[in-house]
Structure formats: structure tokens, C-alpha cells
Amino acid sequence: MPENMRAIGRIISIQVQPTSLKYKHDGVGYYDPTPLLVVESLRLSNKGIIGVTADAGGVMDVHHVEHPQSGNSRRANGVSIGFTSHYQAMRARFGERLLNGCAGENILVETDSIMTLADLGSAVAIQVAGSGQLAYLTRLKVAAPCVEFSHFAANAGTPLPAAKLKDTLQFLHNGLRGFYATLTSEQGEISVRAGDRVFVVEDV
């Protein structure tokens, strides 16, 4: 393994968002993680993610540039990454009902440490088990929490008072809700799955 790579954990779950998780009812926005689909593997490309199900079917993630609902025209949020330690922090604050994966990240990594954008270096690398191939995820940025998810996390979906909403948004910011990334274009398409190791690349 290159000297500039530091192991941070293994993938324990992968999923796709077939549709948006934000909805409106009577003019009020709310967040619902029900559409999230756990899959067998993820096909990563510079365009985004396609999940592969147990029967080998393909499910396009809503952040894929070719998805009809995609807002990823600049290819800035095709892949999302979360960490189990962040869910532990959210549960400590908001309660045990916040299950792993409910924030909607595609890739959930098991780690004991809270990860900030600075902690992730210049890239995140996923080592595919068996082949040893490395998938490099760059252009990392914080997945800023939305108002709808903040209501969901802190108040089971019921709208929060303004002061508590502001406090919740601040708590969930700086990467606690996760991070966005993009597979480098020269890599083509790479498949990853649960069990693959994840590394921080200090310099690329």
C-alpha cells in the first residue's frame, strides 16, 4: 500500500437513492428515507452510481447525471460517504431511532473517529477486495444538512422552532451528515461492495 494512504475502516453497507428523499405535504417539506435501497454492489463512475441488486438488476441513484431527477449537472455529488461514528454522535443527541443509513449516504464506513473534511485528505480510496484495485474519490465536500433532514433527525419530522432548527443544522454540518465525492474520470467504472477497505489519501 502506498505510504501516503492511511486506513480508516471498511464499508459495512451500500445503498442507492432511486428517488429524492424530500417531499411536500400541504406545502410543508419533510424527509422520508423509505425509498433507500440496500444493494449487493455499487458501480461507480464519474457520472455517479448504479446499484446492483441480488438478481443483477441495476438501479440508478438519483444523483447520477443521467437520472431524470438529477441535480448533479456539474458532477459534484455523484457519490456520498458516511461513517458509523457520525451515526453514534447523532443517536447520542437525537435518540436511537436514527438507524445507520437513514441519512442517505451511498457508502457507510465503519470507524470509531469523527471525520472532518480535513481528516479525509485530498482523496478517499476504496480498495476492491480480491483484485486490490483502488477507486479514488476526489473533489470531496461536506454534504450540508437540509432543513427536512434536520426536522427528521431532531424531531421525528415535526417542524422545529427556528432556534432549535438553527442549532440542529449547525450540529449536523461540517460533515456529520456525510460527504460528497466524485470518482476520477480516468478510472472508467469500478464496482465496490461491503467489506472493501477504505483509505485516506494524504496527497495525490
Protein backbone atom coordinates (compact mmCIF):
# COMPACT_ATOMS: atom_id res chain seq x y z
CA MET A 1 0.00 0.00 0.00
CA PRO A 2 1.39 3.47 -0.87
CA GLU A 3 2.91 5.35 2.06
CA ASN A 4 0.56 8.30 1.55
CA MET A 5 -2.52 6.17 2.31
CA ARG A 6 -3.97 5.68 5.79
CA ALA A 7 -6.64 3.05 6.55
CA ILE A 8 -9.79 4.38 8.19
CA GLY A 9 -12.17 1.40 8.07
CA ARG A 10 -14.26 -0.95 5.95
CA ILE A 11 -17.52 -0.48 4.11
CA ILE A 12 -20.33 -2.10 6.09
CA SER A 13 -23.30 -1.06 3.95
CA ILE A 14 -24.03 0.26 0.46
CA GLN A 15 -27.28 1.68 -0.87
CA VAL A 16 -28.83 3.87 -3.54
CA GLN A 17 -31.46 6.59 -3.58
CA PRO A 18 -33.76 5.72 -6.51
CA THR A 19 -35.66 8.99 -5.94
CA SER A 20 -35.38 12.11 -3.84
CA LEU A 21 -35.94 11.66 -0.10
CA LYS A 22 -37.51 15.10 0.29
CA TYR A 23 -41.27 15.54 -0.16
CA LYS A 24 -44.03 18.05 0.46
CA HIS A 25 -47.43 17.59 2.07
CA ASP A 26 -49.84 20.52 2.31
CA GLY A 27 -46.97 22.82 1.46
CA VAL A 28 -44.72 21.52 4.25
CA GLY A 29 -41.48 19.78 3.33
CA TYR A 30 -40.45 16.55 5.02
CA TYR A 31 -37.78 13.85 4.76
CA ASP A 32 -38.53 10.16 4.28
CA PRO A 33 -35.72 7.56 3.97
CA THR A 34 -38.12 4.77 2.94
CA PRO A 35 -37.02 4.66 -0.75
CA LEU A 36 -33.39 3.86 0.17
CA LEU A 37 -32.38 0.51 -1.30
CA VAL A 38 -29.55 -1.63 0.06
CA VAL A 39 -27.76 -3.35 -2.84
CA GLU A 40 -25.15 -6.03 -3.48
CA SER A 41 -22.61 -3.73 -5.13
CA LEU A 42 -22.20 -0.21 -6.44
CA ARG A 43 -20.94 0.58 -9.93
CA LEU A 44 -19.06 3.85 -9.54
CA SER A 45 -18.25 6.13 -12.45
CA ASN A 46 -17.60 9.81 -12.99
CA LYS A 47 -21.32 10.15 -13.76
CA GLY A 48 -22.44 8.76 -10.40
CA ILE A 49 -23.66 5.43 -9.07
CA ILE A 50 -25.70 2.48 -10.25
CA GLY A 51 -26.63 -0.07 -7.61
CA VAL A 52 -26.61 -3.76 -8.49
CA THR A 53 -29.25 -5.87 -6.75
CA ALA A 54 -29.08 -9.54 -5.77
CA ASP A 55 -30.78 -10.52 -9.06
CA ALA A 56 -28.20 -8.47 -11.03
CA GLY A 57 -30.64 -5.68 -11.76
CA GLY A 58 -29.36 -2.11 -11.99
CA VAL A 59 -30.86 0.79 -10.02
CA MET A 60 -29.65 4.30 -10.88
CA ASP A 61 -29.04 6.64 -7.96
CA VAL A 62 -30.88 9.96 -8.10
CA HIS A 63 -27.53 11.81 -8.07
CA HIS A 64 -26.34 10.10 -11.26
CA VAL A 65 -26.09 12.68 -14.05
CA GLU A 66 -28.37 10.59 -16.29
CA HIS A 67 -31.15 10.22 -13.71
CA PRO A 68 -34.21 12.26 -14.79
CA GLN A 69 -34.41 13.90 -11.34
CA SER A 70 -30.67 14.52 -11.02
CA GLY A 71 -29.34 17.86 -9.87
CA ASN A 72 -25.77 16.72 -10.42
CA SER A 73 -25.09 18.51 -13.70
CA ARG A 74 -21.63 19.58 -12.51
CA ARG A 75 -20.73 16.06 -11.34
CA ALA A 76 -20.05 17.34 -7.85
CA ASN A 77 -22.09 14.95 -5.72
CA GLY A 78 -22.23 11.65 -7.57
CA VAL A 79 -21.07 9.59 -4.57
CA SER A 80 -21.86 10.12 -0.89
CA ILE A 81 -19.96 8.69 2.06
CA GLY A 82 -20.94 8.40 5.72
CA PHE A 83 -19.39 6.98 8.87
CA THR A 84 -20.77 4.85 11.70
CA SER A 85 -19.13 7.15 14.27
CA HIS A 86 -21.26 10.01 12.96
CA TYR A 87 -24.44 8.00 13.48
CA GLN A 88 -23.32 7.27 17.04
CA ALA A 89 -22.98 11.02 17.61
CA MET A 90 -26.41 11.68 16.09
CA ARG A 91 -28.02 8.95 18.20
CA ALA A 92 -26.38 10.36 21.33
CA ARG A 93 -28.06 13.69 20.60
CA PHE A 94 -31.35 12.75 18.94
CA GLY A 95 -32.13 9.18 20.01
CA GLU A 96 -31.75 5.55 18.97
CA ARG A 97 -34.31 5.76 16.15
CA LEU A 98 -31.64 7.24 13.84
CA LEU A 99 -30.54 3.98 12.26
CA ASN A 100 -27.37 3.57 10.23
CA GLY A 101 -28.03 4.63 6.65
CA CYS A 102 -31.03 6.87 7.27
CA ALA A 103 -29.09 9.98 6.20
CA GLY A 104 -28.98 8.54 2.69
CA GLU A 105 -25.26 8.05 2.04
CA ASN A 106 -24.30 5.52 -0.65
CA ILE A 107 -21.30 4.15 1.22
CA LEU A 108 -21.21 3.66 5.00
CA VAL A 109 -17.77 3.13 6.52
CA GLU A 110 -17.23 1.63 9.96
CA THR A 111 -14.88 3.78 12.01
CA ASP A 112 -14.53 4.96 15.60
CA SER A 113 -13.47 8.54 14.83
CA ILE A 114 -15.49 11.56 13.80
CA MET A 115 -14.25 12.52 10.33
CA THR A 116 -13.99 16.12 9.15
CA LEU A 117 -13.25 17.30 5.64
CA ALA A 118 -9.64 17.97 6.67
CA ASP A 119 -9.34 14.41 8.02
CA LEU A 120 -10.18 13.00 4.57
CA GLY A 121 -7.07 14.43 2.94
CA SER A 122 -7.02 15.05 -0.79
CA ALA A 123 -8.94 11.89 -1.70
CA VAL A 124 -10.58 8.76 -0.35
CA ALA A 125 -9.54 5.42 -1.84
CA ILE A 126 -11.59 2.22 -1.77
CA GLN A 127 -9.63 -1.00 -2.22
CA VAL A 128 -11.71 -3.62 -4.00
CA ALA A 129 -11.43 -6.94 -2.19
CA GLY A 130 -9.90 -9.67 -4.32
CA SER A 131 -8.46 -7.56 -7.12
CA GLY A 132 -6.85 -4.92 -4.93
CA GLN A 133 -7.95 -2.25 -7.41
CA LEU A 134 -8.23 1.24 -5.93
CA ALA A 135 -11.17 3.54 -6.61
CA TYR A 136 -10.12 7.15 -5.99
CA LEU A 137 -12.84 9.54 -4.86
CA THR A 138 -11.84 13.19 -5.17
CA ARG A 139 -13.47 16.64 -5.06
CA LEU A 140 -14.57 15.90 -1.51
CA LYS A 141 -17.02 18.30 0.08
CA VAL A 142 -19.37 18.41 3.04
CA ALA A 143 -22.91 17.14 2.44
CA ALA A 144 -24.66 20.09 4.05
CA PRO A 145 -27.75 19.08 6.04
CA CYS A 146 -31.09 20.18 4.64
CA VAL A 147 -33.96 21.57 6.66
CA GLU A 148 -36.08 18.48 6.02
CA PHE A 149 -33.44 16.07 7.35
CA SER A 150 -32.90 18.30 10.38
CA HIS A 151 -36.60 18.09 11.26
CA PHE A 152 -36.45 14.32 10.73
CA ALA A 153 -33.35 13.85 12.90
CA ALA A 154 -34.22 16.11 15.80
CA ASN A 155 -38.00 15.96 15.95
CA ALA A 156 -39.21 12.85 14.10
CA GLY A 157 -40.24 15.03 11.16
CA THR A 158 -42.28 17.62 13.04
CA PRO A 159 -41.13 21.16 12.15
CA LEU A 160 -38.69 22.59 14.69
CA PRO A 161 -38.83 26.07 16.22
CA ALA A 162 -36.43 28.42 14.44
CA ALA A 163 -33.81 28.47 17.20
CA LYS A 164 -33.73 24.69 17.54
CA LEU A 165 -33.61 24.26 13.75
CA LYS A 166 -30.57 26.55 13.56
CA ASP A 167 -28.87 24.62 16.37
CA THR A 168 -29.61 21.30 14.66
CA LEU A 169 -28.31 22.48 11.28
CA GLN A 170 -25.09 23.63 12.93
CA PHE A 171 -24.68 20.31 14.74
CA LEU A 172 -25.17 18.29 11.54
CA HIS A 173 -22.82 20.45 9.48
CA ASN A 174 -19.05 20.02 8.97
CA GLY A 175 -19.54 16.51 7.66
CA LEU A 176 -21.57 14.89 10.42
CA ARG A 177 -24.26 14.13 7.85
CA GLY A 178 -21.60 12.88 5.42
CA PHE A 179 -19.57 13.94 2.40
CA TYR A 180 -19.89 14.08 -1.37
CA ALA A 181 -17.18 12.93 -3.76
CA THR A 182 -16.56 12.09 -7.42
CA LEU A 183 -14.74 9.14 -8.97
CA THR A 184 -11.84 10.39 -11.09
CA SER A 185 -12.83 10.31 -14.77
CA GLU A 186 -9.83 8.29 -15.98
CA GLN A 187 -10.87 5.26 -13.90
CA GLY A 188 -13.91 4.39 -16.00
CA GLU A 189 -16.25 2.22 -13.93
CA ILE A 190 -15.33 0.38 -10.71
CA SER A 191 -17.55 -1.89 -8.59
CA VAL A 192 -17.34 -1.75 -4.80
CA ARG A 193 -19.21 -3.63 -2.11
CA ALA A 194 -19.48 -4.14 1.64
CA GLY A 195 -16.22 -5.41 3.11
CA ASP A 196 -13.95 -3.31 0.89
CA ARG A 197 -11.32 -1.33 2.77
CA VAL A 198 -11.30 2.47 2.79
CA PHE A 199 -8.26 4.74 2.99
CA VAL A 200 -7.48 8.42 3.22
CA VAL A 201 -5.01 9.62 0.60
CA GLU A 202 -2.86 12.33 2.11
CA ASP A 203 -1.59 13.68 -1.22
CA VAL A 204 -2.37 12.89 -4.87
